[in-house]
Amino acid sequence: MCPARAAGTQRAETIVAGHLLAMRDLTIEGGIGVAPFPIVRGIDLELRRGEVLGIIGESGAGKSTIGLAALGMMRPGCRLAGGTVAFDGIDLFRVDPSRGRRIRGTRIAYVAQSAAASFNPAHRLLKQTVEGARAHGVMSAAAAAAKAVSLYRLLRLPEPDRFGERFPHQVSGGQLQRAMIAMAMMTDPDLIVFDEPTTALDVTTQIEVLASIKELVSSRNLSASWKFLLTDRLYVCNPGPSTLPTGELPKRLSGALAKAARFTQLLIVRASPVTWIGPPT
């Protein structure tokens, strides 16, 4: 992954007010050595402070691309073809690089799909948990260690006072995923992007991790973008390069959902049992 910048544009920073995160007409293209092709096109979405936004869609619909864009990041081979991504009024793709790194290191956090592939097996968990907060000078080494232990305890990890002494291979997959969440929480970010953080876990462990995430988000008034159904609103990515149906949906998928597009209905039915109220369209 790498920070990206639109070619030939000025560094305009303050562009959108009223939302913690706002994407406007976002278009990202891919292709190396071939004609560029759209990955996501014309994305418009907003995220308010303290809100959880779910992003769902078929494989290849652009969910992870949108999640990375929320950090002002793109995968190698991708380019910003148009639009803006504003975090707290700051355009993440045009902000000064040093300020962008500071924002990503302190105010926006990312939780990846696979914790096992994200931790360095040669270092103990505590060292990796506090690394970001220490690198950005947010707190002293002692304060960071104490904060990590408190997060281990909050996330119900075993022996929180000693948990950080272990290496990644010495804990279970669910414990490692929660350790990654603790790492993301170290700087008390305003926004966390969760990229299917339970995909690699068994069903029982998924429930434990989701419960821990829900408690954290609720207790700390965090904003979050999720790629699963634990959400205040849903953003649905249609298959193919042109992704867009979006809209307010109730937490309980009931009457309003019966009026949603047929693609949305089928997608949610596949993901979760739903009791329909009213005829599908």
C-alpha atoms as a PDB file:
ATOM      1  CA  MET A   1       0.000   0.000   0.000  1.00  0.00           C
ATOM      2  CA  CYS A   2       1.165   3.512  -0.677  1.00  0.00           C
ATOM      3  CA  PRO A   3      -0.066   7.089  -0.215  1.00  0.00           C
ATOM      4  CA  ALA A   4      -1.509   8.434  -3.447  1.00  0.00           C
ATOM      5  CA  ARG A   5      -1.840  11.860  -4.969  1.00  0.00           C
ATOM      6  CA  ALA A   6      -3.856  13.049  -7.933  1.00  0.00           C
ATOM      7  CA  ALA A   7      -1.556  14.273 -10.674  1.00  0.00           C
ATOM      8  CA  GLY A   8      -1.662  17.928 -11.614  1.00  0.00           C
ATOM      9  CA  THR A   9      -3.725  19.079  -8.650  1.00  0.00           C
ATOM     10  CA  GLN A  10      -3.017  21.692  -6.038  1.00  0.00           C
ATOM     11  CA  ARG A  11      -2.838  20.846  -2.353  1.00  0.00           C
ATOM     12  CA  ALA A  12      -6.220  21.983  -1.181  1.00  0.00           C
ATOM     13  CA  GLU A  13      -6.800  20.843   2.377  1.00  0.00           C
ATOM     14  CA  THR A  14     -10.077  22.035   3.861  1.00  0.00           C
ATOM     15  CA  ILE A  15     -12.939  21.014   1.570  1.00  0.00           C
ATOM     16  CA  VAL A  16     -15.869  19.377   3.358  1.00  0.00           C
ATOM     17  CA  ALA A  17     -17.385  20.312   6.699  1.00  0.00           C
ATOM     18  CA  GLY A  18     -20.048  18.644   8.817  1.00  0.00           C
ATOM     19  CA  HIS A  19     -18.870  15.016   8.496  1.00  0.00           C
ATOM     20  CA  LEU A  20     -15.931  13.183   9.978  1.00  0.00           C
ATOM     21  CA  LEU A  21     -15.405  11.436   6.635  1.00  0.00           C
ATOM     22  CA  ALA A  22     -16.819  12.437   3.252  1.00  0.00           C
ATOM     23  CA  MET A  23     -16.130  10.948  -0.179  1.00  0.00           C
ATOM     24  CA  ARG A  24     -17.253  12.918  -3.209  1.00  0.00           C
ATOM     25  CA  ASP A  25     -17.364  11.436  -6.729  1.00  0.00           C
ATOM     26  CA  LEU A  26     -14.418   9.167  -5.872  1.00  0.00           C
ATOM     27  CA  THR A  27     -13.036   7.272  -8.863  1.00  0.00           C
ATOM     28  CA  ILE A  28     -10.011   4.972  -8.602  1.00  0.00           C
ATOM     29  CA  GLU A  29      -8.459   3.254 -11.595  1.00  0.00           C
ATOM     30  CA  GLY A  30      -6.024   0.373 -11.896  1.00  0.00           C
ATOM     31  CA  GLY A  31      -3.709  -1.007 -14.539  1.00  0.00           C
ATOM     32  CA  ILE A  32       0.051  -1.194 -15.046  1.00  0.00           C
ATOM     33  CA  GLY A  33       1.233  -1.270 -18.648  1.00  0.00           C
ATOM     34  CA  VAL A  34      -2.337  -1.495 -19.918  1.00  0.00           C
ATOM     35  CA  ALA A  35      -5.179   0.952 -20.467  1.00  0.00           C
ATOM     36  CA  PRO A  36      -6.524   2.163 -17.083  1.00  0.00           C
ATOM     37  CA  PHE A  37      -9.734   0.496 -15.939  1.00  0.00           C
ATOM     38  CA  PRO A  38     -12.089   1.683 -13.168  1.00  0.00           C
ATOM     39  CA  ILE A  39     -12.084  -0.160  -9.841  1.00  0.00           C
ATOM     40  CA  VAL A  40     -14.607   2.133  -8.155  1.00  0.00           C
ATOM     41  CA  ARG A  41     -16.394   4.998  -9.855  1.00  0.00           C
ATOM     42  CA  GLY A  42     -18.373   7.991  -8.617  1.00  0.00           C
ATOM     43  CA  ILE A  43     -18.466   7.002  -4.930  1.00  0.00           C
ATOM     44  CA  ASP A  44     -20.350   9.385  -2.641  1.00  0.00           C
ATOM     45  CA  LEU A  45     -20.633   8.600   1.069  1.00  0.00           C
ATOM     46  CA  GLU A  46     -20.486  10.324   4.446  1.00  0.00           C
ATOM     47  CA  LEU A  47     -19.680   9.146   7.942  1.00  0.00           C
ATOM     48  CA  ARG A  48     -20.699  11.133  10.996  1.00  0.00           C
ATOM     49  CA  ARG A  49     -18.803  11.117  14.274  1.00  0.00           C
ATOM     50  CA  GLY A  50     -19.855   8.198  16.450  1.00  0.00           C
ATOM     51  CA  GLU A  51     -21.525   6.401  13.531  1.00  0.00           C
ATOM     52  CA  VAL A  52     -20.800   2.931  12.145  1.00  0.00           C
ATOM     53  CA  LEU A  53     -21.066   2.532   8.371  1.00  0.00           C
ATOM     54  CA  GLY A  54     -21.201  -0.966   6.892  1.00  0.00           C
ATOM     55  CA  ILE A  55     -19.920  -1.608   3.376  1.00  0.00           C
ATOM     56  CA  ILE A  56     -21.133  -4.800   1.706  1.00  0.00           C
ATOM     57  CA  GLY A  57     -20.866  -6.227  -1.786  1.00  0.00           C
ATOM     58  CA  GLU A  58     -19.683  -9.163  -3.810  1.00  0.00           C
ATOM     59  CA  SER A  59     -16.003 -10.042  -4.130  1.00  0.00           C
ATOM     60  CA  GLY A  60     -14.281  -7.539  -6.404  1.00  0.00           C
ATOM     61  CA  ALA A  61     -16.921  -4.836  -5.948  1.00  0.00           C
ATOM     62  CA  GLY A  62     -14.378  -2.410  -4.463  1.00  0.00           C
ATOM     63  CA  LYS A  63     -15.000  -2.644  -0.710  1.00  0.00           C
ATOM     64  CA  SER A  64     -11.341  -2.837   0.319  1.00  0.00           C
ATOM     65  CA  THR A  65     -10.439  -0.127  -2.182  1.00  0.00           C
ATOM     66  CA  ILE A  66     -12.974   2.198  -0.571  1.00  0.00           C
ATOM     67  CA  GLY A  67     -11.677   1.283   2.890  1.00  0.00           C
ATOM     68  CA  LEU A  68      -8.089   2.093   1.945  1.00  0.00           C
ATOM     69  CA  ALA A  69      -9.227   5.343   0.322  1.00  0.00           C
ATOM     70  CA  ALA A  70     -10.662   6.345   3.709  1.00  0.00           C
ATOM     71  CA  LEU A  71      -7.030   6.442   4.886  1.00  0.00           C
ATOM     72  CA  GLY A  72      -5.824   8.313   1.815  1.00  0.00           C
ATOM     73  CA  MET A  73      -4.143   5.108   0.610  1.00  0.00           C
ATOM     74  CA  MET A  74      -4.275   2.915  -2.488  1.00  0.00           C
ATOM     75  CA  ARG A  75      -2.669  -0.327  -3.560  1.00  0.00           C
ATOM     76  CA  PRO A  76       0.323  -0.164  -5.918  1.00  0.00           C
ATOM     77  CA  GLY A  77      -0.856   0.091  -9.498  1.00  0.00           C
ATOM     78  CA  CYS A  78      -3.891   2.166  -8.614  1.00  0.00           C
ATOM     79  CA  ARG A  79      -4.404   5.872  -9.222  1.00  0.00           C
ATOM     80  CA  LEU A  80      -6.868   8.506  -8.104  1.00  0.00           C
ATOM     81  CA  ALA A  81      -8.730   9.423 -11.292  1.00  0.00           C
ATOM     82  CA  GLY A  82     -11.145  11.872  -9.721  1.00  0.00           C
ATOM     83  CA  GLY A  83     -12.997  13.020  -6.636  1.00  0.00           C
ATOM     84  CA  THR A  84     -12.022  13.755  -3.047  1.00  0.00           C
ATOM     85  CA  VAL A  85     -11.758  11.997   0.313  1.00  0.00           C
ATOM     86  CA  ALA A  86     -12.034  14.428   3.219  1.00  0.00           C
ATOM     87  CA  PHE A  87     -11.345  13.518   6.839  1.00  0.00           C
ATOM     88  CA  ASP A  88     -12.487  16.209   9.271  1.00  0.00           C
ATOM     89  CA  GLY A  89     -12.351  18.676   6.366  1.00  0.00           C
ATOM     90  CA  ILE A  90      -8.860  17.652   5.198  1.00  0.00           C
ATOM     91  CA  ASP A  91      -8.435  16.201   1.708  1.00  0.00           C
ATOM     92  CA  LEU A  92      -6.384  13.074   2.402  1.00  0.00           C
ATOM     93  CA  PHE A  93      -5.108  12.732  -1.156  1.00  0.00           C
ATOM     94  CA  ARG A  94      -3.819  16.295  -1.376  1.00  0.00           C
ATOM     95  CA  VAL A  95      -2.642  16.990   2.155  1.00  0.00           C
ATOM     96  CA  ASP A  96       1.068  17.482   2.833  1.00  0.00           C
ATOM     97  CA  PRO A  97       2.617  13.974   3.118  1.00  0.00           C
ATOM     98  CA  SER A  98       4.010  14.507   6.618  1.00  0.00           C
ATOM     99  CA  ARG A  99       0.655  15.727   7.891  1.00  0.00           C
ATOM    100  CA  GLY A 100      -1.053  12.806   6.177  1.00  0.00           C
ATOM    101  CA  ARG A 101       1.227  10.337   7.962  1.00  0.00           C
ATOM    102  CA  ARG A 102       0.489  12.053  11.257  1.00  0.00           C
ATOM    103  CA  ILE A 103      -3.265  11.773  10.670  1.00  0.00           C
ATOM    104  CA  ARG A 104      -3.000   8.089   9.778  1.00  0.00           C
ATOM    105  CA  GLY A 105      -0.766   7.466  12.772  1.00  0.00           C
ATOM    106  CA  THR A 106      -2.959   9.162  15.361  1.00  0.00           C
ATOM    107  CA  ARG A 107      -6.513   9.907  14.177  1.00  0.00           C
ATOM    108  CA  ILE A 108      -7.312   7.112  11.701  1.00  0.00           C
ATOM    109  CA  ALA A 109      -6.603   3.427  12.325  1.00  0.00           C
ATOM    110  CA  TYR A 110      -6.905   0.310  10.199  1.00  0.00           C
ATOM    111  CA  VAL A 111      -7.625  -3.291  11.218  1.00  0.00           C
ATOM    112  CA  ALA A 112      -6.717  -5.810   8.522  1.00  0.00           C
ATOM    113  CA  GLN A 113      -8.392  -9.090   7.581  1.00  0.00           C
ATOM    114  CA  SER A 114      -5.594 -11.324   8.830  1.00  0.00           C
ATOM    115  CA  ALA A 115      -3.762 -10.501  12.024  1.00  0.00           C
ATOM    116  CA  ALA A 116      -1.462 -13.496  11.505  1.00  0.00           C
ATOM    117  CA  ALA A 117      -0.101 -11.910   8.321  1.00  0.00           C
ATOM    118  CA  SER A 118       0.172  -8.449   9.875  1.00  0.00           C
ATOM    119  CA  PHE A 119       2.275  -9.093  12.988  1.00  0.00           C
ATOM    120  CA  ASN A 120       6.046  -9.575  12.879  1.00  0.00           C
ATOM    121  CA  PRO A 121       6.744 -13.062  14.268  1.00  0.00           C
ATOM    122  CA  ALA A 122      10.165 -11.953  15.580  1.00  0.00           C
ATOM    123  CA  HIS A 123       8.825  -9.354  18.048  1.00  0.00           C
ATOM    124  CA  ARG A 124       6.698  -9.602  21.165  1.00  0.00           C
ATOM    125  CA  LEU A 125       3.115  -8.374  21.004  1.00  0.00           C
ATOM    126  CA  LEU A 126       3.597  -5.478  23.433  1.00  0.00           C
ATOM    127  CA  LYS A 127       6.413  -3.972  21.365  1.00  0.00           C
ATOM    128  CA  GLN A 128       4.265  -4.094  18.249  1.00  0.00           C
ATOM    129  CA  THR A 129       1.152  -2.796  20.007  1.00  0.00           C
ATOM    130  CA  VAL A 130       2.863   0.387  21.216  1.00  0.00           C
ATOM    131  CA  GLU A 131       5.079   0.982  18.175  1.00  0.00           C
ATOM    132  CA  GLY A 132       2.777   3.400  16.340  1.00  0.00           C
ATOM    133  CA  ALA A 133       1.972   5.522  19.384  1.00  0.00           C
ATOM    134  CA  ARG A 134       5.653   5.740  20.282  1.00  0.00           C
ATOM    135  CA  ALA A 135       6.766   6.542  16.716  1.00  0.00           C
ATOM    136  CA  HIS A 136       4.385   9.499  16.576  1.00  0.00           C
ATOM    137  CA  GLY A 137       5.394  10.738  20.032  1.00  0.00           C
ATOM    138  CA  VAL A 138       1.896  10.407  21.435  1.00  0.00           C
ATOM    139  CA  MET A 139       3.031   9.032  24.803  1.00  0.00           C
ATOM    140  CA  SER A 140       6.047   7.843  26.754  1.00  0.00           C
ATOM    141  CA  ALA A 141       7.169   4.224  26.742  1.00  0.00           C
ATOM    142  CA  ALA A 142       5.765   3.651  30.232  1.00  0.00           C
ATOM    143  CA  ALA A 143       2.431   5.274  29.402  1.00  0.00           C
ATOM    144  CA  ALA A 144       2.177   3.304  26.166  1.00  0.00           C
ATOM    145  CA  ALA A 145       2.817   0.011  27.951  1.00  0.00           C
ATOM    146  CA  ALA A 146       0.187   0.829  30.580  1.00  0.00           C
ATOM    147  CA  LYS A 147      -2.300   1.806  27.856  1.00  0.00           C
ATOM    148  CA  ALA A 148      -1.675  -1.457  26.001  1.00  0.00           C
ATOM    149  CA  VAL A 149      -2.329  -3.499  29.135  1.00  0.00           C
ATOM    150  CA  SER A 150      -5.570  -1.613  29.788  1.00  0.00           C
ATOM    151  CA  LEU A 151      -6.710  -2.332  26.219  1.00  0.00           C
ATOM    152  CA  TYR A 152      -5.792  -6.011  26.561  1.00  0.00           C
ATOM    153  CA  ARG A 153      -7.952  -6.093  29.663  1.00  0.00           C
ATOM    154  CA  LEU A 154     -10.823  -4.256  27.969  1.00  0.00           C
ATOM    155  CA  LEU A 155     -10.670  -6.704  25.055  1.00  0.00           C
ATOM    156  CA  ARG A 156     -10.789  -9.622  27.502  1.00  0.00           C
ATOM    157  CA  LEU A 157      -7.433 -11.051  26.567  1.00  0.00           C
ATOM    158  CA  PRO A 158      -5.989 -13.627  29.001  1.00  0.00           C
ATOM    159  CA  GLU A 159      -3.529 -12.428  31.635  1.00  0.00           C
ATOM    160  CA  PRO A 160      -3.531  -8.846  30.309  1.00  0.00           C
ATOM    161  CA  ASP A 161      -0.554  -7.847  32.478  1.00  0.00           C
ATOM    162  CA  ARG A 162       1.596 -10.518  30.783  1.00  0.00           C
ATOM    163  CA  PHE A 163      -0.150 -10.987  27.443  1.00  0.00           C
ATOM    164  CA  GLY A 164       2.203  -8.584  25.645  1.00  0.00           C
ATOM    165  CA  GLU A 165       5.221 -10.711  26.569  1.00  0.00           C
ATOM    166  CA  ARG A 166       4.091 -13.408  24.121  1.00  0.00           C
ATOM    167  CA  PHE A 167       5.079 -13.757  20.490  1.00  0.00           C
ATOM    168  CA  PRO A 168       2.345 -13.862  17.811  1.00  0.00           C
ATOM    169  CA  HIS A 169       2.605 -17.634  17.343  1.00  0.00           C
ATOM    170  CA  GLN A 170       1.956 -18.169  21.056  1.00  0.00           C
ATOM    171  CA  VAL A 171      -1.651 -16.898  20.995  1.00  0.00           C
ATOM    172  CA  SER A 172      -4.813 -18.001  19.213  1.00  0.00           C
ATOM    173  CA  GLY A 173      -6.179 -16.388  16.050  1.00  0.00           C
ATOM    174  CA  GLY A 174      -8.952 -14.632  17.940  1.00  0.00           C
ATOM    175  CA  GLN A 175      -6.531 -13.304  20.554  1.00  0.00           C
ATOM    176  CA  LEU A 176      -4.200 -12.042  17.837  1.00  0.00           C
ATOM    177  CA  GLN A 177      -7.084 -10.262  16.096  1.00  0.00           C
ATOM    178  CA  ARG A 178      -7.996  -8.549  19.365  1.00  0.00           C
ATOM    179  CA  ALA A 179      -4.342  -7.596  19.854  1.00  0.00           C
ATOM    180  CA  MET A 180      -4.502  -5.869  16.466  1.00  0.00           C
ATOM    181  CA  ILE A 181      -7.607  -3.990  17.595  1.00  0.00           C
ATOM    182  CA  ALA A 182      -5.702  -2.914  20.719  1.00  0.00           C
ATOM    183  CA  MET A 183      -2.909  -1.655  18.466  1.00  0.00           C
ATOM    184  CA  ALA A 184      -5.446   0.361  16.459  1.00  0.00           C
ATOM    185  CA  MET A 185      -6.886   1.854  19.651  1.00  0.00           C
ATOM    186  CA  MET A 186      -3.573   2.976  21.148  1.00  0.00           C
ATOM    187  CA  THR A 187      -3.883   6.613  20.017  1.00  0.00           C
ATOM    188  CA  ASP A 188      -7.663   6.887  20.633  1.00  0.00           C
ATOM    189  CA  PRO A 189      -8.399   7.464  16.924  1.00  0.00           C
ATOM    190  CA  ASP A 190     -11.516   9.203  15.657  1.00  0.00           C
ATOM    191  CA  LEU A 191     -12.025   6.657  12.858  1.00  0.00           C
ATOM    192  CA  ILE A 192     -11.227   2.962  12.521  1.00  0.00           C
ATOM    193  CA  VAL A 193     -11.507   1.087   9.226  1.00  0.00           C
ATOM    194  CA  PHE A 194     -12.214  -2.622   9.774  1.00  0.00           C
ATOM    195  CA  ASP A 195     -11.477  -4.729   6.689  1.00  0.00           C
ATOM    196  CA  GLU A 196     -13.352  -7.980   7.415  1.00  0.00           C
ATOM    197  CA  PRO A 197     -11.485  -8.522  10.705  1.00  0.00           C
ATOM    198  CA  THR A 198     -13.245 -11.838  11.430  1.00  0.00           C
ATOM    199  CA  THR A 199     -12.857 -13.530   8.033  1.00  0.00           C
ATOM    200  CA  ALA A 200     -10.043 -15.877   9.090  1.00  0.00           C
ATOM    201  CA  LEU A 201     -11.703 -16.897  12.387  1.00  0.00           C
ATOM    202  CA  ASP A 202     -14.102 -19.685  13.321  1.00  0.00           C
ATOM    203  CA  VAL A 203     -17.714 -18.771  14.072  1.00  0.00           C
ATOM    204  CA  THR A 204     -17.405 -18.847  17.879  1.00  0.00           C
ATOM    205  CA  THR A 205     -14.282 -16.677  17.824  1.00  0.00           C
ATOM    206  CA  GLN A 206     -15.942 -14.288  15.364  1.00  0.00           C
ATOM    207  CA  ILE A 207     -18.702 -13.645  17.893  1.00  0.00           C
ATOM    208  CA  GLU A 208     -16.163 -12.910  20.640  1.00  0.00           C
ATOM    209  CA  VAL A 209     -14.214 -10.475  18.452  1.00  0.00           C
ATOM    210  CA  LEU A 210     -17.374  -8.729  17.229  1.00  0.00           C
ATOM    211  CA  ALA A 211     -18.581  -8.318  20.803  1.00  0.00           C
ATOM    212  CA  SER A 212     -15.247  -6.745  21.775  1.00  0.00           C
ATOM    213  CA  ILE A 213     -15.358  -4.364  18.805  1.00  0.00           C
ATOM    214  CA  LYS A 214     -18.939  -3.357  19.493  1.00  0.00           C
ATOM    215  CA  GLU A 215     -18.128  -2.586  23.134  1.00  0.00           C
ATOM    216  CA  LEU A 216     -15.139  -0.450  22.135  1.00  0.00           C
ATOM    217  CA  VAL A 217     -17.007   1.512  19.486  1.00  0.00           C
ATOM    218  CA  SER A 218     -19.959   2.161  21.780  1.00  0.00           C
ATOM    219  CA  SER A 219     -17.969   3.083  24.876  1.00  0.00           C
ATOM    220  CA  ARG A 220     -15.596   5.496  23.097  1.00  0.00           C
ATOM    221  CA  ASN A 221     -17.978   7.159  20.596  1.00  0.00           C
ATOM    222  CA  LEU A 222     -15.813   6.028  17.701  1.00  0.00           C
ATOM    223  CA  SER A 223     -16.695   6.282  14.034  1.00  0.00           C
ATOM    224  CA  ALA A 224     -16.080   3.113  12.062  1.00  0.00           C
ATOM    225  CA  SER A 225     -16.316   1.683   8.588  1.00  0.00           C
ATOM    226  CA  TRP A 226     -17.037  -2.041   8.507  1.00  0.00           C
ATOM    227  CA  LYS A 227     -17.213  -4.717   5.848  1.00  0.00           C
ATOM    228  CA  PHE A 228     -19.843  -6.726   7.690  1.00  0.00           C
ATOM    229  CA  LEU A 229     -23.295  -6.286   9.224  1.00  0.00           C
ATOM    230  CA  LEU A 230     -22.879  -4.597  12.622  1.00  0.00           C
ATOM    231  CA  THR A 231     -23.808  -1.132  11.578  1.00  0.00           C
ATOM    232  CA  ASP A 232     -25.982   1.981  11.733  1.00  0.00           C
ATOM    233  CA  ARG A 233     -26.082   2.372   7.935  1.00  0.00           C
ATOM    234  CA  LEU A 234     -25.257   0.202   4.942  1.00  0.00           C
ATOM    235  CA  TYR A 235     -23.450   1.157   1.760  1.00  0.00           C
ATOM    236  CA  VAL A 236     -23.955  -1.445  -0.955  1.00  0.00           C
ATOM    237  CA  CYS A 237     -21.418  -1.948  -3.754  1.00  0.00           C
ATOM    238  CA  ASN A 238     -22.908  -3.345  -6.954  1.00  0.00           C
ATOM    239  CA  PRO A 239     -20.749  -5.854  -8.829  1.00  0.00           C
ATOM    240  CA  GLY A 240     -18.643  -4.358 -11.590  1.00  0.00           C
ATOM    241  CA  PRO A 241     -16.783  -1.064 -11.867  1.00  0.00           C
ATOM    242  CA  SER A 242     -19.796   1.219 -11.410  1.00  0.00           C
ATOM    243  CA  THR A 243     -20.668   0.838  -7.752  1.00  0.00           C
ATOM    244  CA  LEU A 244     -23.329   2.926  -6.212  1.00  0.00           C
ATOM    245  CA  PRO A 245     -26.649   2.219  -4.545  1.00  0.00           C
ATOM    246  CA  THR A 246     -26.441   3.746  -1.084  1.00  0.00           C
ATOM    247  CA  GLY A 247     -28.933   4.755   1.548  1.00  0.00           C
ATOM    248  CA  GLU A 248     -30.108   4.815   5.130  1.00  0.00           C
ATOM    249  CA  LEU A 249     -31.192   1.423   6.461  1.00  0.00           C
ATOM    250  CA  PRO A 250     -32.523   0.659   9.943  1.00  0.00           C
ATOM    251  CA  LYS A 251     -30.506  -1.420  12.356  1.00  0.00           C
ATOM    252  CA  ARG A 252     -33.278  -4.007  12.209  1.00  0.00           C
ATOM    253  CA  LEU A 253     -33.550  -5.056   8.588  1.00  0.00           C
ATOM    254  CA  SER A 254     -37.308  -4.795   8.212  1.00  0.00           C
ATOM    255  CA  GLY A 255     -39.841  -2.605   6.419  1.00  0.00           C
ATOM    256  CA  ALA A 256     -37.509  -0.088   4.823  1.00  0.00           C
ATOM    257  CA  LEU A 257     -35.367  -2.874   3.398  1.00  0.00           C
ATOM    258  CA  ALA A 258     -38.329  -4.341   1.522  1.00  0.00           C
ATOM    259  CA  LYS A 259     -38.230  -1.205  -0.643  1.00  0.00           C
ATOM    260  CA  ALA A 260     -34.513  -1.535  -1.389  1.00  0.00           C
ATOM    261  CA  ALA A 261     -33.098  -2.545  -4.748  1.00  0.00           C
ATOM    262  CA  ARG A 262     -33.346  -6.246  -5.579  1.00  0.00           C
ATOM    263  CA  PHE A 263     -29.541  -6.559  -5.622  1.00  0.00           C
ATOM    264  CA  THR A 264     -29.381  -5.212  -2.053  1.00  0.00           C
ATOM    265  CA  GLN A 265     -32.045  -7.643  -0.891  1.00  0.00           C
ATOM    266  CA  LEU A 266     -30.343 -10.675  -2.387  1.00  0.00           C
ATOM    267  CA  LEU A 267     -26.939  -9.628  -1.057  1.00  0.00           C
ATOM    268  CA  ILE A 268     -28.180  -9.220   2.506  1.00  0.00           C
ATOM    269  CA  VAL A 269     -30.204 -12.445   2.386  1.00  0.00           C
ATOM    270  CA  ARG A 270     -27.015 -14.303   1.467  1.00  0.00           C
ATOM    271  CA  ALA A 271     -25.106 -12.646   4.286  1.00  0.00           C
ATOM    272  CA  SER A 272     -27.597 -12.921   7.122  1.00  0.00           C
ATOM    273  CA  PRO A 273     -31.062 -14.358   7.860  1.00  0.00           C
ATOM    274  CA  VAL A 274     -33.675 -11.669   7.309  1.00  0.00           C
ATOM    275  CA  THR A 275     -37.390 -11.598   8.033  1.00  0.00           C
ATOM    276  CA  TRP A 276     -39.028  -9.608   5.246  1.00  0.00           C
ATOM    277  CA  ILE A 277     -41.887  -7.270   6.034  1.00  0.00           C
ATOM    278  CA  GLY A 278     -43.727  -6.342   2.862  1.00  0.00           C
ATOM    279  CA  PRO A 279     -43.218  -7.696  -0.628  1.00  0.00           C
ATOM    280  CA  PRO A 280     -39.773  -7.526  -2.254  1.00  0.00           C
ATOM    281  CA  THR A 281     -39.427  -5.231  -5.243  1.00  0.00           C
END
